[in-house]
Amino acid sequence: MGAFKNLQKSWNRRKFTIMKKAFLTFIRRKNDDYSFLAIENPSNLISTKECFLRSGQPVIVIKENDKLIGLYLISNNAELFQIYGEEDYLFFMKTINDLSLLNIKKYNFIKYILIEMFSELSIQESKQYKDIFESFEEAIFYTTLHTELENKSIKSIITKEFKKLEIPYSIKNRMLDKIIRLKNISENYLRKKIDVDLTGYGIYINALKH
């Protein structure tokens, strides 16, 4: 009883997953220059431009042919927040193709340096220069994450761009000194994948070669 209905649901799910694909990737954005790394931009990308998206932000993108139908932000503690889409499409998907792996070592390297630099700030300094540091962080991810640059070159770019910031010399000198004192980062850290909490979903993440 109900076997045919269950079979129909199975057919519908299979049809859905054939037409629609999910990708784990990063945002690249500077003003109106806006894209997802490693995938072809959806034809309706402009419909999400009012959303709060920043360069270097890990996201899950759901595409149907050339159109964006779902977009999820991934928080620092691995939580998912759907910011675009008429329904929660992940419930209907079987796999998420992980394209973040193409840039994950650069992402972790940049993130590590920035975290170490910002750790030199006091709470008051963090609040006072919040906008400057957020713009700096986004500019670094925008400039370097999509490139084939080696870590040494990325570190040089971070240092060069940081020196341009209009902040007190004492703060700048302290943070630059932290960059100089940074030790080599382990390969395990650089290869660490993006954590995604998929609790409640019958879906898994697949490392897709692109």
N, C-alpha and C. Protein backbone atom coordinates (compact mmCIF):
# COMPACT_ATOMS: atom_id res chain seq x y z
N MET A 1 0.85 -1.19 0.00
CA MET A 1 0.00 0.00 0.00
C MET A 1 0.89 1.25 0.00
N GLY A 2 0.60 2.15 -0.94
CA GLY A 2 1.40 3.36 -1.04
C GLY A 2 2.70 3.17 -1.78
N ALA A 3 2.92 1.96 -2.31
CA ALA A 3 4.19 1.68 -3.00
C ALA A 3 4.34 2.53 -4.24
N PHE A 4 3.25 2.70 -5.00
CA PHE A 4 3.33 3.48 -6.23
C PHE A 4 3.60 4.95 -5.92
N LYS A 5 2.98 5.44 -4.85
CA LYS A 5 3.20 6.83 -4.46
C LYS A 5 4.66 7.04 -4.06
N ASN A 6 5.22 6.07 -3.34
CA ASN A 6 6.63 6.16 -2.96
C ASN A 6 7.54 6.11 -4.18
N LEU A 7 7.15 5.29 -5.17
CA LEU A 7 7.92 5.20 -6.40
C LEU A 7 7.89 6.53 -7.15
N GLN A 8 6.71 7.17 -7.16
CA GLN A 8 6.59 8.48 -7.82
C GLN A 8 7.49 9.51 -7.14
N LYS A 9 7.52 9.46 -5.80
CA LYS A 9 8.38 10.39 -5.06
C LYS A 9 9.84 10.16 -5.42
N SER A 10 10.20 8.87 -5.57
CA SER A 10 11.57 8.53 -5.93
C SER A 10 11.91 9.06 -7.32
N TRP A 11 10.95 8.93 -8.26
CA TRP A 11 11.17 9.46 -9.61
C TRP A 11 11.33 10.98 -9.58
N ASN A 12 10.47 11.64 -8.81
CA ASN A 12 10.51 13.10 -8.72
C ASN A 12 11.83 13.57 -8.13
N ARG A 13 12.30 12.84 -7.10
CA ARG A 13 13.58 13.20 -6.48
C ARG A 13 14.72 13.02 -7.46
N ARG A 14 14.68 11.92 -8.22
CA ARG A 14 15.73 11.67 -9.21
C ARG A 14 15.72 12.74 -10.29
N LYS A 15 14.52 13.12 -10.74
CA LYS A 15 14.40 14.17 -11.76
C LYS A 15 14.93 15.48 -11.22
N PHE A 16 14.62 15.77 -9.95
CA PHE A 16 15.07 17.00 -9.32
C PHE A 16 16.58 17.08 -9.27
N THR A 17 17.20 15.97 -8.82
CA THR A 17 18.64 15.99 -8.65
C THR A 17 19.38 16.03 -9.98
N ILE A 18 18.77 15.50 -11.06
CA ILE A 18 19.40 15.57 -12.37
C ILE A 18 19.41 17.01 -12.88
N MET A 19 18.33 17.73 -12.67
CA MET A 19 18.19 19.09 -13.18
C MET A 19 18.93 20.12 -12.33
N LYS A 20 19.08 19.84 -11.05
CA LYS A 20 19.64 20.81 -10.11
C LYS A 20 20.92 20.28 -9.49
N LYS A 21 21.88 21.17 -9.29
CA LYS A 21 23.16 20.78 -8.72
C LYS A 21 23.54 21.74 -7.59
N ALA A 22 24.22 21.18 -6.60
CA ALA A 22 24.67 21.97 -5.45
C ALA A 22 26.20 22.02 -5.42
N PHE A 23 26.74 23.21 -5.10
CA PHE A 23 28.18 23.41 -5.07
C PHE A 23 28.60 24.11 -3.78
N LEU A 24 29.69 23.65 -3.21
CA LEU A 24 30.32 24.35 -2.09
C LEU A 24 31.50 25.13 -2.66
N THR A 25 31.47 26.45 -2.48
CA THR A 25 32.51 27.29 -3.07
C THR A 25 32.66 28.56 -2.25
N PHE A 26 33.32 29.57 -2.84
CA PHE A 26 33.54 30.84 -2.17
C PHE A 26 32.97 31.99 -3.00
N ILE A 27 32.64 33.06 -2.29
CA ILE A 27 32.20 34.30 -2.93
C ILE A 27 33.43 35.14 -3.31
N ARG A 28 33.34 35.81 -4.44
CA ARG A 28 34.32 36.85 -4.79
C ARG A 28 33.52 38.09 -5.14
N ARG A 29 33.68 39.13 -4.35
CA ARG A 29 32.86 40.31 -4.56
C ARG A 29 33.60 41.59 -4.17
N LYS A 30 33.45 42.58 -5.04
CA LYS A 30 33.91 43.93 -4.74
C LYS A 30 32.95 44.87 -5.43
N ASN A 31 32.12 45.53 -4.63
CA ASN A 31 31.06 46.37 -5.17
C ASN A 31 30.16 45.54 -6.10
N ASP A 32 30.12 45.87 -7.38
CA ASP A 32 29.26 45.14 -8.31
C ASP A 32 29.99 44.02 -9.05
N ASP A 33 31.28 43.85 -8.79
CA ASP A 33 32.03 42.74 -9.35
C ASP A 33 31.81 41.54 -8.44
N TYR A 34 31.02 40.60 -8.89
CA TYR A 34 30.45 39.60 -8.00
C TYR A 34 30.40 38.24 -8.70
N SER A 35 30.96 37.21 -8.05
CA SER A 35 30.97 35.89 -8.68
C SER A 35 31.15 34.79 -7.65
N PHE A 36 30.90 33.55 -8.11
CA PHE A 36 31.21 32.36 -7.31
C PHE A 36 32.45 31.72 -7.92
N LEU A 37 33.42 31.36 -7.09
CA LEU A 37 34.65 30.78 -7.61
C LEU A 37 34.41 29.36 -8.11
N ALA A 38 35.02 29.06 -9.24
CA ALA A 38 35.09 27.71 -9.83
C ALA A 38 33.81 27.24 -10.50
N ILE A 39 32.76 28.06 -10.55
CA ILE A 39 31.56 27.69 -11.29
C ILE A 39 31.15 28.86 -12.19
N GLU A 40 30.44 28.51 -13.25
CA GLU A 40 29.97 29.55 -14.16
C GLU A 40 28.88 30.37 -13.46
N ASN A 41 28.98 31.67 -13.56
CA ASN A 41 28.02 32.53 -12.89
C ASN A 41 26.60 32.31 -13.40
N PRO A 42 25.62 32.20 -12.50
CA PRO A 42 24.22 32.08 -12.92
C PRO A 42 23.78 33.32 -13.69
N SER A 43 22.83 33.12 -14.60
CA SER A 43 22.35 34.25 -15.41
C SER A 43 21.56 35.24 -14.59
N ASN A 44 21.03 34.82 -13.43
CA ASN A 44 20.21 35.71 -12.59
C ASN A 44 20.96 36.12 -11.33
N LEU A 45 22.27 36.18 -11.41
CA LEU A 45 23.08 36.48 -10.23
C LEU A 45 22.73 37.83 -9.62
N ILE A 46 22.30 38.77 -10.43
CA ILE A 46 21.99 40.11 -9.94
C ILE A 46 20.90 40.10 -8.88
N SER A 47 20.08 39.06 -8.86
CA SER A 47 18.97 39.00 -7.90
C SER A 47 19.43 38.83 -6.47
N THR A 48 20.70 38.48 -6.26
CA THR A 48 21.21 38.32 -4.90
C THR A 48 22.13 39.45 -4.48
N LYS A 49 22.28 40.46 -5.26
CA LYS A 49 23.26 41.50 -4.98
C LYS A 49 22.93 42.34 -3.74
N GLU A 50 21.67 42.32 -3.32
CA GLU A 50 21.33 43.07 -2.13
C GLU A 50 21.66 42.30 -0.86
N CYS A 51 21.99 41.03 -0.98
CA CYS A 51 22.32 40.21 0.18
C CYS A 51 23.68 40.60 0.74
N PHE A 52 23.87 40.35 2.03
CA PHE A 52 25.15 40.66 2.67
C PHE A 52 26.15 39.56 2.35
N LEU A 53 26.92 39.75 1.30
CA LEU A 53 27.91 38.77 0.86
C LEU A 53 29.27 39.44 0.76
N ARG A 54 30.31 38.72 1.18
CA ARG A 54 31.65 39.28 1.19
C ARG A 54 32.63 38.33 0.53
N SER A 55 33.70 38.85 -0.01
CA SER A 55 34.74 38.02 -0.59
C SER A 55 35.32 37.07 0.46
N GLY A 56 35.51 35.81 0.06
CA GLY A 56 36.04 34.82 0.97
C GLY A 56 34.98 34.09 1.76
N GLN A 57 33.71 34.48 1.60
CA GLN A 57 32.62 33.83 2.32
C GLN A 57 32.33 32.46 1.72
N PRO A 58 32.42 31.37 2.51
CA PRO A 58 32.02 30.05 1.99
C PRO A 58 30.50 29.99 1.82
N VAL A 59 30.06 29.41 0.72
CA VAL A 59 28.63 29.32 0.43
C VAL A 59 28.30 28.00 -0.24
N ILE A 60 27.04 27.63 -0.17
CA ILE A 60 26.52 26.53 -0.97
C ILE A 60 25.58 27.13 -2.00
N VAL A 61 25.86 26.85 -3.25
CA VAL A 61 25.09 27.38 -4.38
C VAL A 61 24.26 26.26 -4.99
N ILE A 62 22.97 26.51 -5.19
CA ILE A 62 22.10 25.56 -5.88
C ILE A 62 21.74 26.15 -7.23
N LYS A 63 22.10 25.43 -8.29
CA LYS A 63 21.82 25.90 -9.66
C LYS A 63 20.89 24.94 -10.38
N GLU A 64 20.03 25.52 -11.19
CA GLU A 64 19.21 24.74 -12.12
C GLU A 64 19.54 25.24 -13.51
N ASN A 65 20.24 24.40 -14.27
CA ASN A 65 20.79 24.83 -15.55
C ASN A 65 21.68 26.05 -15.33
N ASP A 66 21.35 27.21 -15.89
CA ASP A 66 22.20 28.38 -15.71
C ASP A 66 21.64 29.37 -14.70
N LYS A 67 20.65 28.96 -13.92
CA LYS A 67 20.01 29.89 -12.97
C LYS A 67 20.28 29.50 -11.52
N LEU A 68 20.48 30.54 -10.70
CA LEU A 68 20.61 30.34 -9.27
C LEU A 68 19.22 30.20 -8.66
N ILE A 69 19.01 29.11 -7.91
CA ILE A 69 17.70 28.94 -7.26
C ILE A 69 17.81 28.87 -5.74
N GLY A 70 19.04 28.68 -5.22
CA GLY A 70 19.23 28.63 -3.78
C GLY A 70 20.63 29.03 -3.39
N LEU A 71 20.74 29.73 -2.25
CA LEU A 71 22.05 30.18 -1.79
C LEU A 71 22.09 30.12 -0.26
N TYR A 72 23.13 29.48 0.27
CA TYR A 72 23.29 29.30 1.71
C TYR A 72 24.64 29.85 2.15
N LEU A 73 24.64 30.68 3.18
CA LEU A 73 25.88 31.11 3.80
C LEU A 73 26.31 30.06 4.83
N ILE A 74 27.61 29.90 5.01
CA ILE A 74 28.15 28.99 6.00
C ILE A 74 28.87 29.82 7.06
N SER A 75 28.41 29.75 8.29
CA SER A 75 28.98 30.56 9.36
C SER A 75 30.30 29.95 9.85
N ASN A 76 30.98 30.69 10.73
CA ASN A 76 32.26 30.21 11.27
C ASN A 76 32.11 28.94 12.10
N ASN A 77 30.90 28.72 12.65
CA ASN A 77 30.67 27.49 13.42
C ASN A 77 29.92 26.43 12.62
N ALA A 78 30.00 26.55 11.27
CA ALA A 78 29.50 25.53 10.33
C ALA A 78 27.99 25.55 10.12
N GLU A 79 27.28 26.50 10.72
CA GLU A 79 25.84 26.57 10.53
C GLU A 79 25.49 27.09 9.13
N LEU A 80 24.37 26.60 8.61
CA LEU A 80 23.86 27.04 7.31
C LEU A 80 22.75 28.06 7.48
N PHE A 81 22.80 29.11 6.67
CA PHE A 81 21.75 30.12 6.66
C PHE A 81 21.32 30.35 5.21
N GLN A 82 20.11 29.95 4.88
CA GLN A 82 19.63 30.15 3.52
C GLN A 82 19.21 31.60 3.35
N ILE A 83 19.79 32.26 2.35
CA ILE A 83 19.48 33.67 2.13
C ILE A 83 18.80 33.90 0.78
N TYR A 84 18.66 32.82 0.01
CA TYR A 84 18.00 32.96 -1.29
C TYR A 84 17.38 31.62 -1.67
N GLY A 85 16.16 31.67 -2.23
CA GLY A 85 15.49 30.47 -2.68
C GLY A 85 14.08 30.36 -2.12
N GLU A 86 13.19 29.77 -2.90
CA GLU A 86 11.79 29.66 -2.50
C GLU A 86 11.56 28.52 -1.51
N GLU A 87 12.45 27.53 -1.49
CA GLU A 87 12.35 26.44 -0.53
C GLU A 87 13.73 25.91 -0.19
N ASP A 88 13.80 25.06 0.83
CA ASP A 88 15.08 24.51 1.26
C ASP A 88 15.45 23.34 0.35
N TYR A 89 16.17 23.66 -0.72
CA TYR A 89 16.45 22.68 -1.76
C TYR A 89 17.37 21.55 -1.30
N LEU A 90 18.14 21.76 -0.25
CA LEU A 90 19.06 20.72 0.20
C LEU A 90 18.33 19.45 0.65
N PHE A 91 17.07 19.59 1.02
CA PHE A 91 16.29 18.42 1.40
C PHE A 91 16.07 17.48 0.21
N PHE A 92 16.16 18.02 -1.01
CA PHE A 92 15.89 17.23 -2.20
C PHE A 92 17.16 16.75 -2.91
N MET A 93 18.33 17.21 -2.41
CA MET A 93 19.58 16.89 -3.07
C MET A 93 20.24 15.67 -2.44
N LYS A 94 21.08 15.00 -3.21
CA LYS A 94 21.84 13.85 -2.71
C LYS A 94 23.29 14.22 -2.40
N THR A 95 23.87 15.12 -3.20
CA THR A 95 25.27 15.46 -3.01
C THR A 95 25.50 16.96 -3.18
N ILE A 96 26.54 17.42 -2.51
CA ILE A 96 27.06 18.77 -2.72
C ILE A 96 28.45 18.62 -3.30
N ASN A 97 28.69 19.17 -4.46
CA ASN A 97 29.99 19.09 -5.11
C ASN A 97 30.94 20.13 -4.50
N ASP A 98 32.01 19.65 -3.89
CA ASP A 98 32.92 20.54 -3.16
C ASP A 98 33.99 21.12 -4.08
N LEU A 99 33.73 22.33 -4.56
CA LEU A 99 34.71 23.04 -5.39
C LEU A 99 35.59 23.97 -4.56
N SER A 100 35.29 24.07 -3.26
CA SER A 100 36.13 24.90 -2.39
C SER A 100 37.54 24.33 -2.28
N LEU A 101 37.67 23.02 -2.54
CA LEU A 101 38.98 22.38 -2.41
C LEU A 101 40.01 22.95 -3.39
N LEU A 102 39.52 23.54 -4.48
CA LEU A 102 40.43 24.14 -5.46
C LEU A 102 41.18 25.33 -4.88
N ASN A 103 40.58 25.97 -3.88
CA ASN A 103 41.19 27.17 -3.29
C ASN A 103 41.37 27.06 -1.78
N ILE A 104 41.17 25.87 -1.23
CA ILE A 104 41.12 25.75 0.23
C ILE A 104 42.45 26.07 0.90
N LYS A 105 43.57 25.70 0.28
CA LYS A 105 44.86 25.97 0.91
C LYS A 105 45.14 27.47 0.97
N LYS A 106 44.79 28.18 -0.09
CA LYS A 106 44.95 29.63 -0.08
C LYS A 106 44.01 30.26 0.95
N TYR A 107 42.78 29.77 0.98
CA TYR A 107 41.79 30.30 1.92
C TYR A 107 42.27 30.16 3.37
N ASN A 108 42.74 28.96 3.72
CA ASN A 108 43.21 28.73 5.09
C ASN A 108 44.46 29.52 5.41
N PHE A 109 45.32 29.70 4.42
CA PHE A 109 46.54 30.48 4.63
C PHE A 109 46.19 31.95 4.90
N ILE A 110 45.33 32.51 4.07
CA ILE A 110 44.92 33.91 4.25
C ILE A 110 44.22 34.10 5.58
N LYS A 111 43.30 33.20 5.87
CA LYS A 111 42.53 33.29 7.11
C LYS A 111 43.44 33.22 8.33
N TYR A 112 44.43 32.34 8.29
CA TYR A 112 45.36 32.19 9.40
C TYR A 112 46.14 33.49 9.66
N ILE A 113 46.67 34.07 8.60
CA ILE A 113 47.44 35.31 8.75
C ILE A 113 46.57 36.42 9.30
N LEU A 114 45.37 36.57 8.76
CA LEU A 114 44.49 37.65 9.21
C LEU A 114 44.08 37.47 10.67
N ILE A 115 43.77 36.24 11.06
CA ILE A 115 43.40 35.98 12.46
C ILE A 115 44.55 36.33 13.39
N GLU A 116 45.76 35.94 13.00
CA GLU A 116 46.93 36.23 13.83
C GLU A 116 47.17 37.74 13.92
N MET A 117 47.01 38.44 12.83
CA MET A 117 47.18 39.89 12.84
C MET A 117 46.14 40.57 13.73
N PHE A 118 44.89 40.20 13.54
CA PHE A 118 43.81 40.83 14.29
C PHE A 118 43.86 40.49 15.78
N SER A 119 44.52 39.39 16.13
CA SER A 119 44.64 39.02 17.54
C SER A 119 45.50 40.01 18.33
N GLU A 120 46.25 40.86 17.62
CA GLU A 120 47.08 41.87 18.26
C GLU A 120 46.28 43.09 18.68
N LEU A 121 45.04 43.18 18.25
CA LEU A 121 44.21 44.35 18.55
C LEU A 121 43.53 44.24 19.90
N SER A 122 43.39 45.36 20.57
CA SER A 122 42.57 45.40 21.78
C SER A 122 41.10 45.47 21.37
N ILE A 123 40.22 45.25 22.30
CA ILE A 123 38.78 45.34 22.00
C ILE A 123 38.43 46.73 21.49
N GLN A 124 38.99 47.75 22.13
CA GLN A 124 38.71 49.13 21.72
C GLN A 124 39.23 49.40 20.31
N GLU A 125 40.43 48.92 20.00
CA GLU A 125 40.99 49.12 18.66
C GLU A 125 40.16 48.39 17.61
N SER A 126 39.71 47.21 17.95
CA SER A 126 38.87 46.44 17.02
C SER A 126 37.60 47.20 16.67
N LYS A 127 37.00 47.82 17.68
CA LYS A 127 35.76 48.57 17.46
C LYS A 127 36.03 49.86 16.69
N GLN A 128 37.09 50.54 17.06
CA GLN A 128 37.39 51.85 16.47
C GLN A 128 37.73 51.76 14.99
N TYR A 129 38.44 50.69 14.59
CA TYR A 129 38.89 50.56 13.21
C TYR A 129 38.21 49.39 12.49
N LYS A 130 37.04 49.04 12.96
CA LYS A 130 36.29 47.90 12.43
C LYS A 130 36.10 47.99 10.92
N ASP A 131 35.63 49.11 10.44
CA ASP A 131 35.34 49.27 9.00
C ASP A 131 36.62 49.15 8.17
N ILE A 132 37.70 49.71 8.65
CA ILE A 132 38.97 49.66 7.93
C ILE A 132 39.46 48.22 7.81
N PHE A 133 39.40 47.48 8.90
CA PHE A 133 39.91 46.10 8.89
C PHE A 133 38.99 45.17 8.11
N GLU A 134 37.71 45.40 8.15
CA GLU A 134 36.79 44.56 7.37
C GLU A 134 37.00 44.78 5.88
N SER A 135 37.20 46.04 5.48
CA SER A 135 37.46 46.35 4.07
C SER A 135 38.79 45.75 3.62
N PHE A 136 39.79 45.82 4.50
CA PHE A 136 41.10 45.25 4.21
C PHE A 136 40.99 43.73 4.01
N GLU A 137 40.29 43.06 4.91
CA GLU A 137 40.13 41.61 4.82
C GLU A 137 39.44 41.22 3.51
N GLU A 138 38.38 41.93 3.18
CA GLU A 138 37.65 41.60 1.96
C GLU A 138 38.50 41.85 0.72
N ALA A 139 39.29 42.91 0.74
CA ALA A 139 40.15 43.22 -0.40
C ALA A 139 41.21 42.13 -0.61
N ILE A 140 41.74 41.60 0.48
CA ILE A 140 42.75 40.54 0.38
C ILE A 140 42.14 39.29 -0.25
N PHE A 141 40.99 38.87 0.23
CA PHE A 141 40.34 37.69 -0.34
C PHE A 141 39.97 37.93 -1.81
N TYR A 142 39.49 39.12 -2.11
CA TYR A 142 39.10 39.45 -3.49
C TYR A 142 40.30 39.39 -4.43
N THR A 143 41.43 39.88 -3.95
CA THR A 143 42.62 39.99 -4.79
C THR A 143 43.36 38.67 -4.98
N THR A 144 43.36 37.82 -3.97
CA THR A 144 44.27 36.67 -3.98
C THR A 144 43.62 35.29 -4.03
N LEU A 145 42.39 35.13 -3.53
CA LEU A 145 41.84 33.79 -3.36
C LEU A 145 41.68 33.02 -4.67
N HIS A 146 41.37 33.72 -5.75
CA HIS A 146 41.10 33.06 -7.03
C HIS A 146 42.37 32.83 -7.85
N THR A 147 43.50 33.29 -7.37
CA THR A 147 44.73 33.26 -8.16
C THR A 147 45.50 31.95 -7.96
N GLU A 148 46.60 31.83 -8.72
CA GLU A 148 47.50 30.69 -8.57
C GLU A 148 48.76 31.09 -7.81
N LEU A 149 48.68 32.16 -7.05
CA LEU A 149 49.84 32.65 -6.31
C LEU A 149 50.28 31.68 -5.22
N GLU A 150 51.58 31.63 -4.98
CA GLU A 150 52.10 30.84 -3.87
C GLU A 150 51.92 31.62 -2.57
N ASN A 151 52.01 30.90 -1.47
CA ASN A 151 51.77 31.53 -0.16
C ASN A 151 52.72 32.69 0.11
N LYS A 152 53.95 32.55 -0.31
CA LYS A 152 54.93 33.62 -0.10
C LYS A 152 54.48 34.91 -0.77
N SER A 153 53.95 34.79 -1.97
CA SER A 153 53.48 35.97 -2.71
C SER A 153 52.23 36.56 -2.06
N ILE A 154 51.35 35.69 -1.60
CA ILE A 154 50.14 36.16 -0.92
C ILE A 154 50.50 36.92 0.35
N LYS A 155 51.45 36.40 1.09
CA LYS A 155 51.90 37.06 2.31
C LYS A 155 52.48 38.44 2.00
N SER A 156 53.21 38.54 0.91
CA SER A 156 53.78 39.83 0.51
C SER A 156 52.69 40.83 0.15
N ILE A 157 51.65 40.36 -0.52
CA ILE A 157 50.53 41.23 -0.88
C ILE A 157 49.80 41.71 0.37
N ILE A 158 49.58 40.80 1.30
CA ILE A 158 48.92 41.18 2.56
C ILE A 158 49.72 42.26 3.28
N THR A 159 51.04 42.06 3.35
CA THR A 159 51.91 43.03 4.01
C THR A 159 51.88 44.38 3.30
N LYS A 160 51.98 44.34 2.00
CA LYS A 160 52.00 45.57 1.20
C LYS A 160 50.70 46.36 1.35
N GLU A 161 49.56 45.66 1.25
CA GLU A 161 48.27 46.33 1.36
C GLU A 161 48.01 46.83 2.77
N PHE A 162 48.49 46.09 3.75
CA PHE A 162 48.29 46.50 5.14
C PHE A 162 49.02 47.80 5.44
N LYS A 163 50.20 47.96 4.88
CA LYS A 163 50.99 49.17 5.11
C LYS A 163 50.28 50.42 4.61
N LYS A 164 49.32 50.24 3.70
CA LYS A 164 48.59 51.39 3.14
C LYS A 164 47.46 51.88 4.05
N LEU A 165 47.12 51.08 5.04
CA LEU A 165 45.97 51.43 5.89
C LEU A 165 46.26 52.68 6.72
N GLU A 166 45.24 53.48 6.88
CA GLU A 166 45.35 54.71 7.67
C GLU A 166 44.94 54.42 9.12
N ILE A 167 45.89 53.85 9.84
CA ILE A 167 45.71 53.55 11.25
C ILE A 167 46.96 54.03 11.98
N PRO A 168 46.89 54.20 13.30
CA PRO A 168 48.06 54.66 14.05
C PRO A 168 49.29 53.79 13.85
N TYR A 169 50.44 54.42 13.82
CA TYR A 169 51.70 53.72 13.57
C TYR A 169 51.93 52.61 14.60
N SER A 170 51.59 52.87 15.85
CA SER A 170 51.84 51.88 16.91
C SER A 170 51.07 50.59 16.64
N ILE A 171 49.83 50.72 16.18
CA ILE A 171 49.02 49.54 15.86
C ILE A 171 49.59 48.85 14.63
N LYS A 172 49.90 49.63 13.62
CA LYS A 172 50.42 49.07 12.37
C LYS A 172 51.73 48.31 12.61
N ASN A 173 52.61 48.91 13.38
CA ASN A 173 53.90 48.29 13.65
C ASN A 173 53.73 46.98 14.43
N ARG A 174 52.82 46.96 15.37
CA ARG A 174 52.56 45.77 16.18
C ARG A 174 52.03 44.62 15.31
N MET A 175 51.13 44.94 14.41
CA MET A 175 50.53 43.91 13.56
C MET A 175 51.49 43.43 12.48
N LEU A 176 52.31 44.32 11.96
CA LEU A 176 53.32 43.92 10.99
C LEU A 176 54.36 43.01 11.63
N ASP A 177 54.71 43.32 12.85
CA ASP A 177 55.66 42.48 13.57
C ASP A 177 55.10 41.07 13.76
N LYS A 178 53.78 40.97 13.95
CA LYS A 178 53.16 39.66 14.10
C LYS A 178 53.29 38.84 12.81
N ILE A 179 53.14 39.51 11.67
CA ILE A 179 53.30 38.81 10.39
C ILE A 179 54.71 38.25 10.25
N ILE A 180 55.69 39.07 10.61
CA ILE A 180 57.10 38.66 10.50
C ILE A 180 57.38 37.45 11.38
N ARG A 181 56.76 37.42 12.57
CA ARG A 181 57.05 36.36 13.54
C ARG A 181 56.24 35.08 13.29
N LEU A 182 55.36 35.08 12.32
CA LEU A 182 54.55 33.89 12.06
C LEU A 182 55.40 32.71 11.62
N LYS A 183 55.12 31.57 12.21
CA LYS A 183 55.84 30.35 11.86
C LYS A 183 55.18 29.70 10.65
N ASN A 184 55.86 28.71 10.09
CA ASN A 184 55.29 27.97 8.97
C ASN A 184 54.01 27.26 9.40
N ILE A 185 53.03 27.26 8.52
CA ILE A 185 51.74 26.65 8.81
C ILE A 185 51.76 25.20 8.34
N SER A 186 51.25 24.32 9.15
CA SER A 186 51.28 22.90 8.82
C SER A 186 50.42 22.59 7.60
N GLU A 187 50.81 21.56 6.88
CA GLU A 187 50.07 21.14 5.70
C GLU A 187 48.66 20.67 6.08
N ASN A 188 48.54 20.04 7.23
CA ASN A 188 47.22 19.59 7.69
C ASN A 188 46.26 20.75 7.89
N TYR A 189 46.78 21.84 8.44
CA TYR A 189 45.95 23.03 8.63
C TYR A 189 45.52 23.62 7.29
N LEU A 190 46.45 23.70 6.37
CA LEU A 190 46.15 24.28 5.06
C LEU A 190 45.12 23.46 4.29
N ARG A 191 45.11 22.15 4.52
CA ARG A 191 44.19 21.27 3.80
C ARG A 191 42.83 21.11 4.49
N LYS A 192 42.66 21.74 5.63
CA LYS A 192 41.43 21.59 6.39
C LYS A 192 40.22 22.04 5.57
N LYS A 193 39.24 21.16 5.43
CA LYS A 193 38.06 21.46 4.62
C LYS A 193 37.09 22.38 5.35
N ILE A 194 36.20 22.99 4.59
CA ILE A 194 35.16 23.83 5.18
C ILE A 194 34.18 22.95 5.95
N ASP A 195 33.96 23.29 7.21
CA ASP A 195 32.99 22.55 8.01
C ASP A 195 31.57 23.00 7.66
N VAL A 196 30.70 22.03 7.42
CA VAL A 196 29.30 22.32 7.12
C VAL A 196 28.41 21.40 7.95
N ASP A 197 27.54 21.98 8.75
CA ASP A 197 26.63 21.19 9.57
C ASP A 197 25.41 20.80 8.73
N LEU A 198 25.37 19.53 8.32
CA LEU A 198 24.27 19.03 7.49
C LEU A 198 23.29 18.18 8.28
N THR A 199 23.26 18.40 9.59
CA THR A 199 22.33 17.66 10.44
C THR A 199 20.89 17.86 9.96
N GLY A 200 20.19 16.77 9.77
CA GLY A 200 18.80 16.84 9.32
C GLY A 200 18.64 16.66 7.82
N TYR A 201 19.75 16.74 7.09
CA TYR A 201 19.70 16.55 5.64
C TYR A 201 20.23 15.16 5.27
N GLY A 202 19.62 14.53 4.30
CA GLY A 202 20.14 13.26 3.79
C GLY A 202 21.05 13.51 2.61
N ILE A 203 22.15 14.18 2.85
CA ILE A 203 23.03 14.66 1.78
C ILE A 203 24.48 14.55 2.24
N TYR A 204 25.40 14.37 1.29
CA TYR A 204 26.81 14.32 1.65
C TYR A 204 27.61 15.21 0.69
N ILE A 205 28.82 15.55 1.12
CA ILE A 205 29.68 16.41 0.32
C ILE A 205 30.66 15.56 -0.47
N ASN A 206 30.71 15.83 -1.76
CA ASN A 206 31.54 15.06 -2.68
C ASN A 206 32.66 15.94 -3.23
N ALA A 207 33.89 15.47 -3.11
CA ALA A 207 35.03 16.20 -3.66
C ALA A 207 35.01 16.04 -5.17
N LEU A 208 34.67 17.11 -5.85
CA LEU A 208 34.49 17.06 -7.30
C LEU A 208 35.70 17.67 -7.99
N LYS A 209 36.27 16.94 -8.92
CA LYS A 209 37.36 17.48 -9.74
C LYS A 209 36.76 18.33 -10.83
N HIS A 210 37.31 19.54 -10.97
CA HIS A 210 36.72 20.51 -11.90
C HIS A 210 37.67 20.77 -13.05
